[in-house]
Structures are given as C-alpha cells and as structure tokens.
Amino acid sequence: MKRSLGLAALLGLAVLTACDSETKAIKGDGEQMNMSHDHHSAHGPAKTNGAEGSTHNHGGGQTGGLQEKDVNVSWTYADGQAPEAGVDTKITMAFTHDGKAIESFETTHEQKEHLIIVSKDLSYFHHIHPEYRGGGVFEVNNRFPAGGDYKLIADFVPEGGGAMNKSAWLQVKGAPLPAAPVKPDGERVKTVDGLRVTLDFDRLAAGKELMLTYTIEDAGTGAPVTDLQPYLGAVGHVVILSEDAEQYLHVHPMDEKGSGPKAEFMTTFPHAGIYKIWGQFQRDGRVITVPFVVNVP
C-alpha cells in the first residue's frame, strides 16, 4: 500500500514538472502561426487556425479562459508612415479581445512581451522586448538593416489565458540585400564571440520529442565554459523557425539554473523540412546568438 501511494506521488510530480512549462500594409491585424512554446517538454499536436501545429506550452495551457483565436493585434509602424531601412522604426501593437483592450499581461521570463523579428530569408534575427504603455498597447523601436520583407512574431501571455503568439509580415522600404539561401550546416559547430558552440541531437526526426544539447567551450583554449549568466531568467533560450517562417518554436532549457558547459532543450519539430535554430546565451553581460540550420527528416 505504501509503495502504491509513493508511486502515485512520483507520477503526479512528473506530470506537474512536464507541464511547467503577406501584408504590405502599414497597419493590419496579426495572424496566428503554427507554433510550439516548450518549457521543459513538448506535448501533442493541436489545431491552430485550421492547420496542425504543436501546443503552445509555457507554464500554462489554454484549456479555459481567454483563447488565442479570440485575441486580435493591430500593428502600426512608424506612426502610420512607410517603414524605411537604416532608421529607427517605431512598432506599436494594440491587443484587444471582443473589441476591448487587454489590460493585463503576465510576466514570462522577465518580460511582458517577447518580439521576434526575422527577414524573409532568415538571415536577420532580432529578439527584443517592447515596453508596455498600458491599455493593451506595446511599443518598441527597431532599425531594419535593409529593405525587404520581415516577419514579426509577438509572444505573450494575457492575464486569464495561456502563452500565445501573433504575427505579421512587414515590407520595409530601401535597397534589399541579396537573399541568402537557408542551407543546412554540414557541421554543427560555430565560433561566436570567442566561444566554440556545438549543437547535438539525441535524434533528428519530425513528430518525435527530441533533445537539443549545446556544448560551449572557450574557442582559444578549448576549456569548458562554466560561467554562463542567466539570460531572461534562464541559462539560455532557443527560437526555431521553419524555412518559410510559418512554424515557430520557442524552447526553454531543461535546467534553467545551469551555467554551462552544456545546456539541454527538449522539443518536437512539427513537420519534416529545413529549420533555422537560434540559441541565445549570456556571458560577461553580453548576449551571444548562435544560429544553426538543420534538415529534419
């Protein structure tokens, strides 16, 4: 009897741990992406705007209360003017539900909103944090490096709802850069800001839960790096986008309190194809972003 009660308690703890978790217009409503937002583990598939995606798991689900499909975002750029490359562009996002402003947002990983901006070819990546102005409105400035199309992904948790995202395409005036092909890396080792970063998988297959393991060493000496600093409350963050920028995953580490040399992240790629992965870590007060491209069979 005691053994049965102990087993039940352990199973309950495991469940709780696992669940912790083409516009060219200047103004428009956000679209909802197929995405996954994993904290310690991924869960099964869910429907998103009629398309199959992964659940949005960030320490809370959407089993009740405010639903993602009922949240709208109005995007305004450069105070209604055409955004231009090379100058600061103010990005304003107004969040509403049933025509009324959403007043309160949860703080997740030290911020009320995470905004991911990528160019169409995924060569440009920026993870920034808009300031909440009240009344459901967030604002932030961004300087786009060149003309062309960019995707903006707002990642947030409204009070009474689960983790959500809304996205929009934006066309920026100015001379574009030559499109860079999204090609899988032949070797998953990169040197960035004096750090040698290796990315390994326990397996690489679509639709299956898998582990991403980053190993971080000093590029000069080869010594393991053990002094990573918390970035947004964790040892690191990982953002993953499919080649067409339609599948979005935001993954948090298994051990948020780690400091290197290894950082492990668990997720599920929703479909086969090419994905770009950005790992972000902090050391000596500097955020280091390490990109990899993989072909998921």
C-alpha atoms as a PDB file:
ATOM      1  CA  MET A   1       0.000   0.000   0.000  1.00  0.00           C
ATOM      2  CA  LYS A   2       2.787   2.413   0.924  1.00  0.00           C
ATOM      3  CA  ARG A   3       4.629   1.532  -2.291  1.00  0.00           C
ATOM      4  CA  SER A   4       1.480   2.303  -4.357  1.00  0.00           C
ATOM      5  CA  LEU A   5       0.991   5.664  -2.662  1.00  0.00           C
ATOM      6  CA  GLY A   6       4.649   6.555  -3.226  1.00  0.00           C
ATOM      7  CA  LEU A   7       4.443   5.657  -6.908  1.00  0.00           C
ATOM      8  CA  ALA A   8       1.305   7.755  -7.342  1.00  0.00           C
ATOM      9  CA  ALA A   9       3.004  10.736  -5.746  1.00  0.00           C
ATOM     10  CA  LEU A  10       6.017  10.396  -8.030  1.00  0.00           C
ATOM     11  CA  LEU A  11       3.808  10.181 -11.112  1.00  0.00           C
ATOM     12  CA  GLY A  12       1.919  13.309 -10.029  1.00  0.00           C
ATOM     13  CA  LEU A  13       5.166  15.210  -9.589  1.00  0.00           C
ATOM     14  CA  ALA A  14       6.353  14.133 -13.044  1.00  0.00           C
ATOM     15  CA  VAL A  15       3.173  15.424 -14.673  1.00  0.00           C
ATOM     16  CA  LEU A  16       3.464  18.783 -12.914  1.00  0.00           C
ATOM     17  CA  THR A  17       7.115  19.103 -13.969  1.00  0.00           C
ATOM     18  CA  ALA A  18       6.377  18.296 -17.593  1.00  0.00           C
ATOM     19  CA  CYS A  19       3.619  20.865 -17.818  1.00  0.00           C
ATOM     20  CA  ASP A  20       5.617  23.672 -16.188  1.00  0.00           C
ATOM     21  CA  SER A  21       6.354  24.863 -18.721  1.00  0.00           C
ATOM     22  CA  GLU A  22       1.502  38.922 -46.549  1.00  0.00           C
ATOM     23  CA  THR A  23       0.912  42.172 -45.523  1.00  0.00           C
ATOM     24  CA  LYS A  24       2.495  45.134 -47.251  1.00  0.00           C
ATOM     25  CA  ALA A  25       0.178  47.498 -45.440  1.00  0.00           C
ATOM     26  CA  ILE A  26       1.372  49.890 -42.796  1.00  0.00           C
ATOM     27  CA  LYS A  27      -1.358  48.823 -40.388  1.00  0.00           C
ATOM     28  CA  GLY A  28      -3.100  45.499 -40.040  1.00  0.00           C
ATOM     29  CA  ASP A  29      -4.245  42.685 -37.763  1.00  0.00           C
ATOM     30  CA  GLY A  30      -1.885  39.971 -36.606  1.00  0.00           C
ATOM     31  CA  GLU A  31      -2.143  36.437 -37.881  1.00  0.00           C
ATOM     32  CA  GLN A  32      -1.761  33.353 -35.747  1.00  0.00           C
ATOM     33  CA  MET A  33       1.130  30.998 -36.501  1.00  0.00           C
ATOM     34  CA  ASN A  34       1.541  27.272 -36.230  1.00  0.00           C
ATOM     35  CA  MET A  35       3.905  27.096 -33.312  1.00  0.00           C
ATOM     36  CA  SER A  36       5.139  25.394 -30.196  1.00  0.00           C
ATOM     37  CA  HIS A  37       6.229  27.081 -26.990  1.00  0.00           C
ATOM     38  CA  ASP A  38       8.062  24.467 -24.951  1.00  0.00           C
ATOM     39  CA  HIS A  39       9.264  24.861 -21.400  1.00  0.00           C
ATOM     40  CA  HIS A  40      10.571  21.504 -20.237  1.00  0.00           C
ATOM     41  CA  SER A  41       8.846  19.261 -22.740  1.00  0.00           C
ATOM     42  CA  ALA A  42       6.647  19.256 -25.810  1.00  0.00           C
ATOM     43  CA  HIS A  43       3.142  17.878 -25.922  1.00  0.00           C
ATOM     44  CA  GLY A  44       0.929  16.505 -28.666  1.00  0.00           C
ATOM     45  CA  PRO A  45      -0.399  18.265 -31.770  1.00  0.00           C
ATOM     46  CA  ALA A  46      -3.145  20.857 -31.625  1.00  0.00           C
ATOM     47  CA  LYS A  47      -5.149  22.780 -34.180  1.00  0.00           C
ATOM     48  CA  THR A  48      -4.134  26.348 -34.949  1.00  0.00           C
ATOM     49  CA  ASN A  49      -6.254  28.347 -37.410  1.00  0.00           C
ATOM     50  CA  GLY A  50      -7.305  25.135 -39.075  1.00  0.00           C
ATOM     51  CA  ALA A  51      -3.734  23.912 -39.550  1.00  0.00           C
ATOM     52  CA  GLU A  52      -1.952  21.330 -37.471  1.00  0.00           C
ATOM     53  CA  GLY A  53       0.665  22.743 -35.163  1.00  0.00           C
ATOM     54  CA  SER A  54       2.096  21.962 -31.762  1.00  0.00           C
ATOM     55  CA  THR A  55       0.704  23.075 -28.453  1.00  0.00           C
ATOM     56  CA  HIS A  56       1.776  26.385 -27.006  1.00  0.00           C
ATOM     57  CA  ASN A  57       3.215  25.289 -23.672  1.00  0.00           C
ATOM     58  CA  HIS A  58       4.701  27.974 -21.416  1.00  0.00           C
ATOM     59  CA  GLY A  59       3.826  27.103 -17.879  1.00  0.00           C
ATOM     60  CA  GLY A  60       0.111  27.215 -18.671  1.00  0.00           C
ATOM     61  CA  GLY A  61      -2.301  25.900 -21.255  1.00  0.00           C
ATOM     62  CA  GLN A  62      -5.397  27.231 -22.955  1.00  0.00           C
ATOM     63  CA  THR A  63      -7.931  24.792 -21.580  1.00  0.00           C
ATOM     64  CA  GLY A  64     -10.112  27.648 -20.345  1.00  0.00           C
ATOM     65  CA  GLY A  65     -10.341  31.407 -20.150  1.00  0.00           C
ATOM     66  CA  LEU A  66      -9.034  33.694 -22.861  1.00  0.00           C
ATOM     67  CA  GLN A  67      -8.359  31.822 -26.121  1.00  0.00           C
ATOM     68  CA  GLU A  68      -5.691  32.681 -28.694  1.00  0.00           C
ATOM     69  CA  LYS A  69      -8.178  32.722 -31.569  1.00  0.00           C
ATOM     70  CA  ASP A  70     -10.171  35.444 -29.792  1.00  0.00           C
ATOM     71  CA  VAL A  71      -7.207  37.803 -29.336  1.00  0.00           C
ATOM     72  CA  ASN A  72      -6.524  40.403 -32.033  1.00  0.00           C
ATOM     73  CA  VAL A  73      -3.459  42.561 -32.600  1.00  0.00           C
ATOM     74  CA  SER A  74      -3.384  45.790 -34.585  1.00  0.00           C
ATOM     75  CA  TRP A  75       0.118  46.607 -35.825  1.00  0.00           C
ATOM     76  CA  THR A  76       1.192  50.164 -36.623  1.00  0.00           C
ATOM     77  CA  TYR A  77       4.631  51.111 -37.936  1.00  0.00           C
ATOM     78  CA  ALA A  78       6.442  54.458 -37.967  1.00  0.00           C
ATOM     79  CA  ASP A  79       3.295  56.254 -36.755  1.00  0.00           C
ATOM     80  CA  GLY A  80       1.499  55.256 -39.958  1.00  0.00           C
ATOM     81  CA  GLN A  81       4.327  56.114 -42.349  1.00  0.00           C
ATOM     82  CA  ALA A  82       6.154  53.661 -44.598  1.00  0.00           C
ATOM     83  CA  PRO A  83       8.996  51.994 -42.619  1.00  0.00           C
ATOM     84  CA  GLU A  84      12.455  52.589 -44.074  1.00  0.00           C
ATOM     85  CA  ALA A  85      15.676  50.686 -43.695  1.00  0.00           C
ATOM     86  CA  GLY A  86      18.506  52.201 -41.687  1.00  0.00           C
ATOM     87  CA  VAL A  87      16.375  54.396 -39.417  1.00  0.00           C
ATOM     88  CA  ASP A  88      14.574  53.664 -36.187  1.00  0.00           C
ATOM     89  CA  THR A  89      11.036  52.427 -36.828  1.00  0.00           C
ATOM     90  CA  LYS A  90       8.513  52.583 -34.010  1.00  0.00           C
ATOM     91  CA  ILE A  91       6.447  49.398 -33.825  1.00  0.00           C
ATOM     92  CA  THR A  92       3.132  49.676 -31.983  1.00  0.00           C
ATOM     93  CA  MET A  93       0.985  46.660 -31.093  1.00  0.00           C
ATOM     94  CA  ALA A  94      -2.528  47.051 -29.684  1.00  0.00           C
ATOM     95  CA  PHE A  95      -4.000  43.868 -28.177  1.00  0.00           C
ATOM     96  CA  THR A  96      -7.787  43.511 -27.972  1.00  0.00           C
ATOM     97  CA  HIS A  97     -10.436  40.932 -27.113  1.00  0.00           C
ATOM     98  CA  ASP A  98     -14.055  41.395 -28.220  1.00  0.00           C
ATOM     99  CA  GLY A  99     -13.175  44.932 -29.260  1.00  0.00           C
ATOM    100  CA  LYS A 100     -11.846  45.869 -25.824  1.00  0.00           C
ATOM    101  CA  ALA A 101      -8.230  46.427 -24.831  1.00  0.00           C
ATOM    102  CA  ILE A 102      -6.498  43.635 -22.957  1.00  0.00           C
ATOM    103  CA  GLU A 103      -5.269  45.451 -19.880  1.00  0.00           C
ATOM    104  CA  SER A 104      -3.086  42.911 -18.082  1.00  0.00           C
ATOM    105  CA  PHE A 105      -0.263  40.616 -19.207  1.00  0.00           C
ATOM    106  CA  GLU A 106       1.747  38.061 -17.286  1.00  0.00           C
ATOM    107  CA  THR A 107       5.497  38.482 -16.917  1.00  0.00           C
ATOM    108  CA  THR A 108       7.192  35.458 -18.506  1.00  0.00           C
ATOM    109  CA  HIS A 109      10.952  35.149 -18.414  1.00  0.00           C
ATOM    110  CA  GLU A 110      11.236  38.686 -17.055  1.00  0.00           C
ATOM    111  CA  GLN A 111       9.179  40.346 -19.817  1.00  0.00           C
ATOM    112  CA  LYS A 112       5.519  41.006 -20.649  1.00  0.00           C
ATOM    113  CA  GLU A 113       6.188  40.535 -24.359  1.00  0.00           C
ATOM    114  CA  HIS A 114       8.917  38.952 -26.436  1.00  0.00           C
ATOM    115  CA  LEU A 115       9.091  40.170 -30.046  1.00  0.00           C
ATOM    116  CA  ILE A 116      10.960  38.116 -32.631  1.00  0.00           C
ATOM    117  CA  ILE A 117      11.828  39.818 -35.949  1.00  0.00           C
ATOM    118  CA  VAL A 118      13.272  37.903 -38.896  1.00  0.00           C
ATOM    119  CA  SER A 119      13.925  38.724 -42.538  1.00  0.00           C
ATOM    120  CA  LYS A 120      12.216  36.573 -45.155  1.00  0.00           C
ATOM    121  CA  ASP A 121      15.421  34.622 -45.806  1.00  0.00           C
ATOM    122  CA  LEU A 122      16.023  34.250 -42.029  1.00  0.00           C
ATOM    123  CA  SER A 123      19.459  35.896 -42.285  1.00  0.00           C
ATOM    124  CA  TYR A 124      18.362  38.687 -39.901  1.00  0.00           C
ATOM    125  CA  PHE A 125      17.180  37.781 -36.386  1.00  0.00           C
ATOM    126  CA  HIS A 126      16.306  40.129 -33.523  1.00  0.00           C
ATOM    127  CA  HIS A 127      14.769  39.201 -30.162  1.00  0.00           C
ATOM    128  CA  ILE A 128      13.587  42.362 -28.391  1.00  0.00           C
ATOM    129  CA  HIS A 129      11.173  43.367 -25.644  1.00  0.00           C
ATOM    130  CA  PRO A 130       8.557  46.070 -26.249  1.00  0.00           C
ATOM    131  CA  GLU A 131       7.563  48.381 -23.426  1.00  0.00           C
ATOM    132  CA  TYR A 132       4.008  48.137 -22.138  1.00  0.00           C
ATOM    133  CA  ARG A 133       2.276  51.536 -22.340  1.00  0.00           C
ATOM    134  CA  GLY A 134      -0.995  50.414 -20.777  1.00  0.00           C
ATOM    135  CA  GLY A 135      -4.390  49.959 -22.379  1.00  0.00           C
ATOM    136  CA  GLY A 136      -3.223  46.866 -24.264  1.00  0.00           C
ATOM    137  CA  VAL A 137      -0.525  48.807 -26.181  1.00  0.00           C
ATOM    138  CA  PHE A 138       3.158  47.857 -26.513  1.00  0.00           C
ATOM    139  CA  GLU A 139       5.829  49.918 -28.282  1.00  0.00           C
ATOM    140  CA  VAL A 140       9.409  49.371 -29.349  1.00  0.00           C
ATOM    141  CA  ASN A 141      11.873  50.802 -31.877  1.00  0.00           C
ATOM    142  CA  ASN A 142      13.747  48.657 -34.360  1.00  0.00           C
ATOM    143  CA  ARG A 143      16.255  49.574 -37.062  1.00  0.00           C
ATOM    144  CA  PHE A 144      15.807  47.283 -40.055  1.00  0.00           C
ATOM    145  CA  PRO A 145      19.162  46.688 -41.781  1.00  0.00           C
ATOM    146  CA  ALA A 146      17.855  46.623 -45.373  1.00  0.00           C
ATOM    147  CA  GLY A 147      14.717  46.868 -47.448  1.00  0.00           C
ATOM    148  CA  GLY A 148      12.542  43.810 -47.964  1.00  0.00           C
ATOM    149  CA  ASP A 149      10.020  41.629 -46.177  1.00  0.00           C
ATOM    150  CA  TYR A 150      10.216  40.875 -42.459  1.00  0.00           C
ATOM    151  CA  LYS A 151       8.122  38.734 -40.175  1.00  0.00           C
ATOM    152  CA  LEU A 152       7.265  39.969 -36.681  1.00  0.00           C
ATOM    153  CA  ILE A 153       6.157  37.479 -34.029  1.00  0.00           C
ATOM    154  CA  ALA A 154       4.666  38.754 -30.767  1.00  0.00           C
ATOM    155  CA  ASP A 155       4.990  36.210 -27.949  1.00  0.00           C
ATOM    156  CA  PHE A 156       2.893  36.991 -24.842  1.00  0.00           C
ATOM    157  CA  VAL A 157       0.604  35.712 -22.070  1.00  0.00           C
ATOM    158  CA  PRO A 158      -2.535  37.781 -21.415  1.00  0.00           C
ATOM    159  CA  GLU A 159      -3.993  37.551 -17.940  1.00  0.00           C
ATOM    160  CA  GLY A 160      -6.554  34.755 -17.925  1.00  0.00           C
ATOM    161  CA  GLY A 161      -5.042  32.985 -20.940  1.00  0.00           C
ATOM    162  CA  GLY A 162      -2.125  30.785 -21.875  1.00  0.00           C
ATOM    163  CA  ALA A 163       1.012  31.598 -23.834  1.00  0.00           C
ATOM    164  CA  MET A 164       0.140  32.925 -27.295  1.00  0.00           C
ATOM    165  CA  ASN A 165       1.702  34.402 -30.388  1.00  0.00           C
ATOM    166  CA  LYS A 166       0.514  36.692 -33.167  1.00  0.00           C
ATOM    167  CA  SER A 167       2.499  37.570 -36.262  1.00  0.00           C
ATOM    168  CA  ALA A 168       2.517  39.875 -39.259  1.00  0.00           C
ATOM    169  CA  TRP A 169       4.580  40.441 -42.389  1.00  0.00           C
ATOM    170  CA  LEU A 170       6.030  43.903 -42.950  1.00  0.00           C
ATOM    171  CA  GLN A 171       7.583  45.402 -46.076  1.00  0.00           C
ATOM    172  CA  VAL A 172      10.423  47.847 -45.401  1.00  0.00           C
ATOM    173  CA  LYS A 173      11.472  50.449 -47.995  1.00  0.00           C
ATOM    174  CA  GLY A 174      15.066  50.579 -49.099  1.00  0.00           C
ATOM    175  CA  ALA A 175      17.653  48.641 -51.029  1.00  0.00           C
ATOM    176  CA  PRO A 176      17.392  44.929 -50.239  1.00  0.00           C
ATOM    177  CA  LEU A 177      20.324  42.686 -49.532  1.00  0.00           C
ATOM    178  CA  PRO A 178      20.876  39.644 -51.768  1.00  0.00           C
ATOM    179  CA  ALA A 179      18.783  36.776 -50.444  1.00  0.00           C
ATOM    180  CA  ALA A 180      20.850  34.267 -48.507  1.00  0.00           C
ATOM    181  CA  PRO A 181      19.941  30.602 -49.038  1.00  0.00           C
ATOM    182  CA  VAL A 182      18.779  28.708 -45.944  1.00  0.00           C
ATOM    183  CA  LYS A 183      21.196  25.789 -46.252  1.00  0.00           C
ATOM    184  CA  PRO A 184      21.696  23.086 -43.623  1.00  0.00           C
ATOM    185  CA  ASP A 185      25.055  23.246 -41.871  1.00  0.00           C
ATOM    186  CA  GLY A 186      27.442  20.477 -42.791  1.00  0.00           C
ATOM    187  CA  GLU A 187      28.980  20.634 -39.321  1.00  0.00           C
ATOM    188  CA  ARG A 188      27.051  21.838 -36.287  1.00  0.00           C
ATOM    189  CA  VAL A 189      29.939  23.743 -34.705  1.00  0.00           C
ATOM    190  CA  LYS A 190      30.153  27.560 -34.684  1.00  0.00           C
ATOM    191  CA  THR A 191      32.567  30.068 -33.183  1.00  0.00           C
ATOM    192  CA  VAL A 192      30.867  33.235 -31.943  1.00  0.00           C
ATOM    193  CA  ASP A 193      32.399  35.966 -29.765  1.00  0.00           C
ATOM    194  CA  GLY A 194      35.261  33.757 -28.653  1.00  0.00           C
ATOM    195  CA  LEU A 195      33.054  30.768 -27.837  1.00  0.00           C
ATOM    196  CA  ARG A 196      33.023  27.443 -29.660  1.00  0.00           C
ATOM    197  CA  VAL A 197      29.444  26.174 -29.650  1.00  0.00           C
ATOM    198  CA  THR A 198      28.459  22.639 -30.684  1.00  0.00           C
ATOM    199  CA  LEU A 199      24.855  21.542 -31.225  1.00  0.00           C
ATOM    200  CA  ASP A 200      23.943  17.850 -30.934  1.00  0.00           C
ATOM    201  CA  PHE A 201      20.648  15.943 -31.093  1.00  0.00           C
ATOM    202  CA  ASP A 202      19.832  12.627 -29.476  1.00  0.00           C
ATOM    203  CA  ARG A 203      17.871  12.002 -32.689  1.00  0.00           C
ATOM    204  CA  LEU A 204      16.607  14.157 -35.538  1.00  0.00           C
ATOM    205  CA  ALA A 205      13.123  13.313 -36.814  1.00  0.00           C
ATOM    206  CA  ALA A 206       9.844  15.184 -37.277  1.00  0.00           C
ATOM    207  CA  GLY A 207       6.953  14.499 -34.922  1.00  0.00           C
ATOM    208  CA  LYS A 208       9.129  12.969 -32.195  1.00  0.00           C
ATOM    209  CA  GLU A 209      10.232  14.525 -28.940  1.00  0.00           C
ATOM    210  CA  LEU A 210      13.986  15.081 -29.021  1.00  0.00           C
ATOM    211  CA  MET A 211      16.800  16.716 -27.109  1.00  0.00           C
ATOM    212  CA  LEU A 212      18.989  19.568 -28.342  1.00  0.00           C
ATOM    213  CA  THR A 213      22.273  19.775 -26.458  1.00  0.00           C
ATOM    214  CA  TYR A 214      24.572  22.800 -26.690  1.00  0.00           C
ATOM    215  CA  THR A 215      28.178  22.403 -25.554  1.00  0.00           C
ATOM    216  CA  ILE A 216      30.036  25.671 -25.042  1.00  0.00           C
ATOM    217  CA  GLU A 217      33.819  25.952 -24.845  1.00  0.00           C
ATOM    218  CA  ASP A 218      36.430  28.685 -24.966  1.00  0.00           C
ATOM    219  CA  ALA A 219      37.431  28.949 -28.632  1.00  0.00           C
ATOM    220  CA  GLY A 220      41.045  29.732 -27.766  1.00  0.00           C
ATOM    221  CA  THR A 221      41.781  27.191 -25.064  1.00  0.00           C
ATOM    222  CA  GLY A 222      39.087  24.559 -25.542  1.00  0.00           C
ATOM    223  CA  ALA A 223      38.234  24.836 -21.847  1.00  0.00           C
ATOM    224  CA  PRO A 224      34.586  24.190 -20.888  1.00  0.00           C
ATOM    225  CA  VAL A 225      32.636  27.379 -20.199  1.00  0.00           C
ATOM    226  CA  THR A 226      31.003  27.151 -16.778  1.00  0.00           C
ATOM    227  CA  ASP A 227      30.208  30.816 -16.115  1.00  0.00           C
ATOM    228  CA  LEU A 228      27.206  31.453 -18.351  1.00  0.00           C
ATOM    229  CA  GLN A 229      24.904  34.041 -16.792  1.00  0.00           C
ATOM    230  CA  PRO A 230      21.104  33.892 -16.634  1.00  0.00           C
ATOM    231  CA  TYR A 231      19.529  35.387 -19.753  1.00  0.00           C
ATOM    232  CA  LEU A 232      15.887  36.317 -19.168  1.00  0.00           C
ATOM    233  CA  GLY A 233      15.907  34.121 -16.081  1.00  0.00           C
ATOM    234  CA  ALA A 234      17.413  31.004 -17.664  1.00  0.00           C
ATOM    235  CA  VAL A 235      20.748  29.618 -18.876  1.00  0.00           C
ATOM    236  CA  GLY A 236      19.575  30.124 -22.458  1.00  0.00           C
ATOM    237  CA  HIS A 237      16.696  30.379 -24.901  1.00  0.00           C
ATOM    238  CA  VAL A 238      16.143  28.736 -28.273  1.00  0.00           C
ATOM    239  CA  VAL A 239      13.979  30.045 -31.131  1.00  0.00           C
ATOM    240  CA  ILE A 240      13.271  27.799 -34.121  1.00  0.00           C
ATOM    241  CA  LEU A 241      11.609  28.727 -37.429  1.00  0.00           C
ATOM    242  CA  SER A 242      10.843  26.640 -40.470  1.00  0.00           C
ATOM    243  CA  GLU A 243      12.345  27.773 -43.771  1.00  0.00           C
ATOM    244  CA  ASP A 244       9.084  29.552 -44.729  1.00  0.00           C
ATOM    245  CA  ALA A 245       8.815  31.151 -41.248  1.00  0.00           C
ATOM    246  CA  GLU A 246       5.417  29.530 -40.669  1.00  0.00           C
ATOM    247  CA  GLN A 247       6.394  27.002 -37.972  1.00  0.00           C
ATOM    248  CA  TYR A 248       7.636  28.744 -34.821  1.00  0.00           C
ATOM    249  CA  LEU A 249       9.013  27.130 -31.677  1.00  0.00           C
ATOM    250  CA  HIS A 250      10.286  28.918 -28.570  1.00  0.00           C
ATOM    251  CA  VAL A 251      12.084  26.466 -26.305  1.00  0.00           C
ATOM    252  CA  HIS A 252      13.326  26.861 -22.743  1.00  0.00           C
ATOM    253  CA  PRO A 253      16.059  24.777 -21.090  1.00  0.00           C
ATOM    254  CA  MET A 254      15.604  21.608 -19.065  1.00  0.00           C
ATOM    255  CA  ASP A 255      17.728  23.123 -16.290  1.00  0.00           C
ATOM    256  CA  GLU A 256      17.116  26.864 -16.152  1.00  0.00           C
ATOM    257  CA  LYS A 257      19.680  27.342 -13.367  1.00  0.00           C
ATOM    258  CA  GLY A 258      22.591  25.828 -15.310  1.00  0.00           C
ATOM    259  CA  SER A 259      25.755  27.771 -16.150  1.00  0.00           C
ATOM    260  CA  GLY A 260      27.380  25.562 -18.791  1.00  0.00           C
ATOM    261  CA  PRO A 261      29.222  23.971 -20.403  1.00  0.00           C
ATOM    262  CA  LYS A 262      26.083  22.097 -21.520  1.00  0.00           C
ATOM    263  CA  ALA A 263      22.544  23.385 -21.985  1.00  0.00           C
ATOM    264  CA  GLU A 264      19.751  20.990 -22.931  1.00  0.00           C
ATOM    265  CA  PHE A 265      16.436  21.792 -24.588  1.00  0.00           C
ATOM    266  CA  MET A 266      13.587  19.413 -25.446  1.00  0.00           C
ATOM    267  CA  THR A 267      11.148  19.993 -28.288  1.00  0.00           C
ATOM    268  CA  THR A 268       9.328  18.421 -31.258  1.00  0.00           C
ATOM    269  CA  PHE A 269       9.699  19.528 -34.874  1.00  0.00           C
ATOM    270  CA  PRO A 270       6.122  19.513 -36.237  1.00  0.00           C
ATOM    271  CA  HIS A 271       6.983  18.588 -39.837  1.00  0.00           C
ATOM    272  CA  ALA A 272       9.921  17.402 -41.916  1.00  0.00           C
ATOM    273  CA  GLY A 273      11.903  20.147 -43.636  1.00  0.00           C
ATOM    274  CA  ILE A 274      14.569  22.779 -43.135  1.00  0.00           C
ATOM    275  CA  TYR A 275      14.616  24.776 -39.895  1.00  0.00           C
ATOM    276  CA  LYS A 276      16.826  27.548 -38.588  1.00  0.00           C
ATOM    277  CA  ILE A 277      17.692  27.441 -34.889  1.00  0.00           C
ATOM    278  CA  TRP A 278      18.963  30.387 -32.840  1.00  0.00           C
ATOM    279  CA  GLY A 279      20.447  29.633 -29.430  1.00  0.00           C
ATOM    280  CA  GLN A 280      20.903  32.605 -27.107  1.00  0.00           C
ATOM    281  CA  PHE A 281      23.198  32.663 -24.083  1.00  0.00           C
ATOM    282  CA  GLN A 282      24.772  35.333 -21.891  1.00  0.00           C
ATOM    283  CA  ARG A 283      28.339  35.664 -20.663  1.00  0.00           C
ATOM    284  CA  ASP A 284      30.167  38.663 -19.215  1.00  0.00           C
ATOM    285  CA  GLY A 285      26.996  40.717 -19.679  1.00  0.00           C
ATOM    286  CA  ARG A 286      26.824  40.090 -23.435  1.00  0.00           C
ATOM    287  CA  VAL A 287      24.100  38.104 -25.189  1.00  0.00           C
ATOM    288  CA  ILE A 288      25.519  35.628 -27.687  1.00  0.00           C
ATOM    289  CA  THR A 289      23.298  34.409 -30.522  1.00  0.00           C
ATOM    290  CA  VAL A 290      24.361  31.220 -32.309  1.00  0.00           C
ATOM    291  CA  PRO A 291      22.490  30.167 -35.488  1.00  0.00           C
ATOM    292  CA  PHE A 292      22.322  26.674 -36.970  1.00  0.00           C
ATOM    293  CA  VAL A 293      20.335  25.270 -39.921  1.00  0.00           C
ATOM    294  CA  VAL A 294      19.180  21.645 -39.905  1.00  0.00           C
ATOM    295  CA  ASN A 295      17.263  19.392 -42.267  1.00  0.00           C
ATOM    296  CA  VAL A 296      14.708  17.420 -40.259  1.00  0.00           C
ATOM    297  CA  PRO A 297      13.706  14.136 -41.941  1.00  0.00           C
END
